[in-house]
Amino acid sequence: MPEFSWPDRSQMPTSDAVDRSWPATVSALPLGSHVSGLVIGRQQFGVFLLLDGVPNAVGLAEITAMPHHMELPAVGSTVTGEVIWHADHNRQVKIKLDEWNVPG
């Protein structure tokens, strides 16, 4: 598996579904709420997540919002964290990670 990868399109909700669900996503995930999700993509700047329990919600945990002693979680890892921002322009829920488990 490559060190960095974009999310597989088959794992991602369509952009139309994300747009239609955005108001419900923001309502279901207020700032400060605790979330968990699956890492579906990994880049140098952070990881993309499918968030548990919120259909069509896409999360992004940027490296600047990760604990300094931790490395980026691998694709397939389960992560937990806190909602710190709603990026309306690209319909992403920004997450500050607090822990994760490696797959396997």
N, C-alpha and C. Protein backbone atom coordinates (compact mmCIF):
# COMPACT_ATOMS: atom_id res chain seq x y z
N MET A 1 0.85 -1.17 0.00
CA MET A 1 0.00 0.00 0.00
C MET A 1 0.90 1.24 0.00
N PRO A 2 0.59 2.22 -0.86
CA PRO A 2 1.42 3.44 -0.87
C PRO A 2 1.25 4.23 0.43
N GLU A 3 2.26 5.01 0.75
CA GLU A 3 2.21 5.80 1.98
C GLU A 3 1.07 6.81 1.94
N PHE A 4 0.83 7.41 0.78
CA PHE A 4 -0.22 8.40 0.62
C PHE A 4 -1.16 7.98 -0.49
N SER A 5 -2.45 8.22 -0.29
CA SER A 5 -3.44 7.87 -1.30
C SER A 5 -4.68 8.74 -1.13
N TRP A 6 -5.33 9.03 -2.24
CA TRP A 6 -6.61 9.73 -2.21
C TRP A 6 -7.68 8.69 -1.92
N PRO A 7 -8.81 9.12 -1.37
CA PRO A 7 -9.89 8.16 -1.10
C PRO A 7 -10.35 7.48 -2.39
N ASP A 8 -10.65 6.20 -2.29
CA ASP A 8 -11.23 5.44 -3.39
C ASP A 8 -12.64 5.97 -3.62
N ARG A 9 -12.95 6.34 -4.84
CA ARG A 9 -14.27 6.92 -5.14
C ARG A 9 -15.42 5.99 -4.75
N SER A 10 -15.17 4.69 -4.76
CA SER A 10 -16.23 3.75 -4.39
C SER A 10 -16.58 3.85 -2.90
N GLN A 11 -15.69 4.41 -2.09
CA GLN A 11 -15.94 4.58 -0.66
C GLN A 11 -16.59 5.91 -0.34
N MET A 12 -16.47 6.86 -1.25
CA MET A 12 -16.93 8.22 -1.00
C MET A 12 -18.38 8.40 -1.41
N PRO A 13 -19.15 9.17 -0.64
CA PRO A 13 -20.47 9.56 -1.13
C PRO A 13 -20.31 10.51 -2.31
N THR A 14 -21.31 10.57 -3.17
CA THR A 14 -21.24 11.48 -4.31
C THR A 14 -21.27 12.92 -3.82
N SER A 15 -20.75 13.82 -4.63
CA SER A 15 -20.75 15.23 -4.22
C SER A 15 -22.19 15.75 -4.08
N ASP A 16 -23.12 15.26 -4.90
CA ASP A 16 -24.53 15.67 -4.77
C ASP A 16 -25.09 15.22 -3.43
N ALA A 17 -24.77 13.99 -3.01
CA ALA A 17 -25.26 13.47 -1.73
C ALA A 17 -24.67 14.28 -0.58
N VAL A 18 -23.39 14.61 -0.67
CA VAL A 18 -22.75 15.42 0.38
C VAL A 18 -23.41 16.79 0.46
N ASP A 19 -23.65 17.42 -0.70
CA ASP A 19 -24.30 18.74 -0.74
C ASP A 19 -25.70 18.69 -0.13
N ARG A 20 -26.50 17.70 -0.54
CA ARG A 20 -27.87 17.58 -0.03
C ARG A 20 -27.90 17.33 1.48
N SER A 21 -26.91 16.59 1.98
CA SER A 21 -26.87 16.21 3.38
C SER A 21 -26.18 17.25 4.27
N TRP A 22 -25.56 18.26 3.68
CA TRP A 22 -24.75 19.18 4.46
C TRP A 22 -25.49 19.82 5.63
N PRO A 23 -26.70 20.37 5.45
CA PRO A 23 -27.39 20.95 6.62
C PRO A 23 -27.61 19.93 7.74
N ALA A 24 -27.97 18.70 7.39
CA ALA A 24 -28.16 17.66 8.40
C ALA A 24 -26.83 17.27 9.05
N THR A 25 -25.76 17.27 8.27
CA THR A 25 -24.43 16.96 8.80
C THR A 25 -24.03 17.97 9.85
N VAL A 26 -24.16 19.26 9.52
CA VAL A 26 -23.78 20.33 10.46
C VAL A 26 -24.63 20.25 11.72
N SER A 27 -25.91 19.96 11.55
CA SER A 27 -26.81 19.85 12.70
C SER A 27 -26.44 18.66 13.59
N ALA A 28 -26.10 17.54 12.96
CA ALA A 28 -25.78 16.32 13.71
C ALA A 28 -24.41 16.37 14.38
N LEU A 29 -23.52 17.22 13.86
CA LEU A 29 -22.14 17.27 14.36
C LEU A 29 -21.76 18.70 14.78
N PRO A 30 -22.35 19.21 15.86
CA PRO A 30 -22.00 20.57 16.28
C PRO A 30 -20.54 20.65 16.73
N LEU A 31 -19.99 21.85 16.70
CA LEU A 31 -18.62 22.04 17.16
C LEU A 31 -18.48 21.50 18.58
N GLY A 32 -17.39 20.80 18.81
CA GLY A 32 -17.12 20.22 20.12
C GLY A 32 -17.64 18.80 20.29
N SER A 33 -18.44 18.33 19.33
CA SER A 33 -18.96 16.96 19.48
C SER A 33 -17.86 15.94 19.21
N HIS A 34 -18.00 14.80 19.87
CA HIS A 34 -17.04 13.71 19.74
C HIS A 34 -17.50 12.80 18.61
N VAL A 35 -16.58 12.41 17.73
CA VAL A 35 -16.91 11.57 16.58
C VAL A 35 -15.90 10.43 16.44
N SER A 36 -16.31 9.44 15.67
CA SER A 36 -15.39 8.38 15.27
C SER A 36 -15.59 8.13 13.79
N GLY A 37 -14.60 7.55 13.16
CA GLY A 37 -14.72 7.30 11.74
C GLY A 37 -13.60 6.43 11.21
N LEU A 38 -13.70 6.13 9.93
CA LEU A 38 -12.77 5.27 9.23
C LEU A 38 -11.90 6.10 8.30
N VAL A 39 -10.59 5.92 8.37
CA VAL A 39 -9.67 6.62 7.48
C VAL A 39 -9.78 5.99 6.08
N ILE A 40 -10.13 6.82 5.09
CA ILE A 40 -10.29 6.33 3.72
C ILE A 40 -9.28 6.93 2.75
N GLY A 41 -8.51 7.90 3.19
CA GLY A 41 -7.48 8.50 2.35
C GLY A 41 -6.43 9.15 3.23
N ARG A 42 -5.21 9.19 2.72
CA ARG A 42 -4.08 9.68 3.52
C ARG A 42 -3.19 10.53 2.63
N GLN A 43 -2.99 11.78 3.03
CA GLN A 43 -2.12 12.69 2.31
C GLN A 43 -1.15 13.33 3.30
N GLN A 44 -0.14 14.02 2.79
CA GLN A 44 0.85 14.64 3.66
C GLN A 44 0.22 15.65 4.61
N PHE A 45 -0.89 16.26 4.21
CA PHE A 45 -1.53 17.29 5.02
C PHE A 45 -2.56 16.75 6.02
N GLY A 46 -2.92 15.46 5.90
CA GLY A 46 -3.90 14.90 6.83
C GLY A 46 -4.60 13.68 6.26
N VAL A 47 -5.70 13.30 6.91
CA VAL A 47 -6.44 12.11 6.50
C VAL A 47 -7.91 12.44 6.27
N PHE A 48 -8.51 11.74 5.29
CA PHE A 48 -9.93 11.85 4.99
C PHE A 48 -10.67 10.74 5.73
N LEU A 49 -11.87 11.06 6.22
CA LEU A 49 -12.62 10.13 7.06
C LEU A 49 -14.05 9.99 6.59
N LEU A 50 -14.59 8.79 6.74
CA LEU A 50 -16.03 8.59 6.70
C LEU A 50 -16.47 8.54 8.15
N LEU A 51 -17.37 9.44 8.52
CA LEU A 51 -17.76 9.58 9.92
C LEU A 51 -18.91 8.64 10.27
N ASP A 52 -18.77 7.96 11.39
CA ASP A 52 -19.77 6.99 11.84
C ASP A 52 -21.09 7.67 12.18
N GLY A 53 -22.18 7.05 11.75
CA GLY A 53 -23.51 7.47 12.16
C GLY A 53 -24.07 8.69 11.47
N VAL A 54 -23.33 9.27 10.53
CA VAL A 54 -23.81 10.46 9.82
C VAL A 54 -23.64 10.21 8.32
N PRO A 55 -24.73 9.79 7.66
CA PRO A 55 -24.63 9.46 6.23
C PRO A 55 -24.11 10.64 5.41
N ASN A 56 -23.23 10.34 4.49
CA ASN A 56 -22.68 11.30 3.54
C ASN A 56 -21.80 12.38 4.18
N ALA A 57 -21.33 12.16 5.40
CA ALA A 57 -20.43 13.11 6.05
C ALA A 57 -18.99 12.73 5.76
N VAL A 58 -18.22 13.70 5.28
CA VAL A 58 -16.80 13.50 5.00
C VAL A 58 -16.01 14.37 5.97
N GLY A 59 -15.07 13.75 6.67
CA GLY A 59 -14.24 14.47 7.61
C GLY A 59 -12.83 14.62 7.08
N LEU A 60 -12.15 15.63 7.57
CA LEU A 60 -10.74 15.83 7.28
C LEU A 60 -10.04 16.17 8.58
N ALA A 61 -9.05 15.39 8.93
CA ALA A 61 -8.20 15.67 10.08
C ALA A 61 -6.85 16.11 9.52
N GLU A 62 -6.57 17.40 9.63
CA GLU A 62 -5.31 17.94 9.12
C GLU A 62 -4.20 17.70 10.12
N ILE A 63 -3.00 17.58 9.61
CA ILE A 63 -1.85 17.30 10.46
C ILE A 63 -1.64 18.38 11.52
N THR A 64 -2.06 19.61 11.21
CA THR A 64 -1.91 20.70 12.18
C THR A 64 -2.84 20.53 13.38
N ALA A 65 -3.86 19.66 13.25
CA ALA A 65 -4.80 19.44 14.35
C ALA A 65 -4.62 18.05 14.97
N MET A 66 -3.42 17.49 14.84
CA MET A 66 -3.13 16.18 15.42
C MET A 66 -2.14 16.33 16.57
N PRO A 67 -2.20 15.41 17.51
CA PRO A 67 -1.19 15.45 18.57
C PRO A 67 0.22 15.39 17.96
N HIS A 68 1.12 16.19 18.49
CA HIS A 68 2.46 16.31 17.90
C HIS A 68 3.28 15.03 17.93
N HIS A 69 3.03 14.16 18.87
CA HIS A 69 3.82 12.94 19.00
C HIS A 69 3.27 11.79 18.15
N MET A 70 2.17 12.00 17.44
CA MET A 70 1.53 10.93 16.68
C MET A 70 1.84 11.05 15.19
N GLU A 71 1.85 9.92 14.51
CA GLU A 71 1.99 9.89 13.06
C GLU A 71 0.62 9.80 12.44
N LEU A 72 0.53 10.12 11.16
CA LEU A 72 -0.74 10.00 10.46
C LEU A 72 -1.27 8.57 10.58
N PRO A 73 -2.56 8.40 10.87
CA PRO A 73 -3.11 7.05 10.90
C PRO A 73 -3.18 6.46 9.49
N ALA A 74 -3.11 5.16 9.41
CA ALA A 74 -3.13 4.45 8.13
C ALA A 74 -4.55 4.35 7.59
N VAL A 75 -4.66 4.18 6.27
CA VAL A 75 -5.95 3.89 5.65
C VAL A 75 -6.48 2.62 6.29
N GLY A 76 -7.76 2.63 6.65
CA GLY A 76 -8.38 1.50 7.31
C GLY A 76 -8.41 1.62 8.82
N SER A 77 -7.70 2.60 9.37
CA SER A 77 -7.70 2.81 10.82
C SER A 77 -9.03 3.41 11.27
N THR A 78 -9.40 3.08 12.49
CA THR A 78 -10.54 3.72 13.15
C THR A 78 -9.99 4.83 14.01
N VAL A 79 -10.59 6.01 13.91
CA VAL A 79 -10.09 7.17 14.65
C VAL A 79 -11.22 7.81 15.46
N THR A 80 -10.85 8.56 16.47
CA THR A 80 -11.81 9.36 17.22
C THR A 80 -11.26 10.77 17.36
N GLY A 81 -12.15 11.71 17.55
CA GLY A 81 -11.73 13.08 17.70
C GLY A 81 -12.88 14.02 17.96
N GLU A 82 -12.60 15.30 17.85
CA GLU A 82 -13.56 16.35 18.14
C GLU A 82 -13.79 17.21 16.90
N VAL A 83 -15.04 17.58 16.66
CA VAL A 83 -15.38 18.47 15.55
C VAL A 83 -14.90 19.87 15.92
N ILE A 84 -14.05 20.45 15.06
CA ILE A 84 -13.51 21.79 15.34
C ILE A 84 -13.94 22.84 14.32
N TRP A 85 -14.53 22.41 13.19
CA TRP A 85 -14.92 23.38 12.16
C TRP A 85 -15.80 22.70 11.13
N HIS A 86 -16.67 23.50 10.51
CA HIS A 86 -17.47 23.05 9.36
C HIS A 86 -17.02 23.89 8.17
N ALA A 87 -16.40 23.26 7.20
CA ALA A 87 -15.91 23.97 6.01
C ALA A 87 -17.01 23.97 4.96
N ASP A 88 -17.81 25.04 4.96
CA ASP A 88 -18.94 25.13 4.04
C ASP A 88 -18.53 25.08 2.57
N HIS A 89 -17.38 25.65 2.24
CA HIS A 89 -16.97 25.74 0.83
C HIS A 89 -16.74 24.38 0.19
N ASN A 90 -16.32 23.38 0.95
CA ASN A 90 -16.10 22.05 0.36
C ASN A 90 -16.81 20.95 1.13
N ARG A 91 -17.70 21.35 2.05
CA ARG A 91 -18.57 20.40 2.77
C ARG A 91 -17.78 19.36 3.56
N GLN A 92 -16.72 19.81 4.22
CA GLN A 92 -15.92 18.91 5.05
C GLN A 92 -16.08 19.28 6.52
N VAL A 93 -16.12 18.25 7.33
CA VAL A 93 -16.13 18.43 8.77
C VAL A 93 -14.69 18.29 9.24
N LYS A 94 -14.15 19.35 9.81
CA LYS A 94 -12.76 19.31 10.28
C LYS A 94 -12.72 18.68 11.67
N ILE A 95 -11.79 17.75 11.83
CA ILE A 95 -11.69 16.95 13.05
C ILE A 95 -10.30 17.11 13.66
N LYS A 96 -10.28 17.24 14.98
CA LYS A 96 -9.01 17.19 15.73
C LYS A 96 -8.95 15.80 16.34
N LEU A 97 -8.02 14.97 15.86
CA LEU A 97 -7.92 13.60 16.32
C LEU A 97 -7.34 13.52 17.73
N ASP A 98 -7.84 12.52 18.47
CA ASP A 98 -7.25 12.28 19.78
C ASP A 98 -6.67 10.88 19.88
N GLU A 99 -7.18 9.93 19.12
CA GLU A 99 -6.57 8.59 19.12
C GLU A 99 -7.05 7.82 17.91
N TRP A 100 -6.33 6.71 17.62
CA TRP A 100 -6.73 5.83 16.53
C TRP A 100 -6.15 4.46 16.73
N ASN A 101 -6.79 3.49 16.08
CA ASN A 101 -6.37 2.08 16.13
C ASN A 101 -5.97 1.65 14.74
N VAL A 102 -4.89 0.95 14.64
CA VAL A 102 -4.44 0.44 13.34
C VAL A 102 -5.29 -0.75 12.92
N PRO A 103 -5.50 -0.93 11.62
CA PRO A 103 -6.31 -2.06 11.17
C PRO A 103 -5.59 -3.38 11.43
N GLY A 104 -6.38 -4.45 11.50
CA GLY A 104 -5.76 -5.74 11.56
C GLY A 104 -6.17 -6.55 12.69
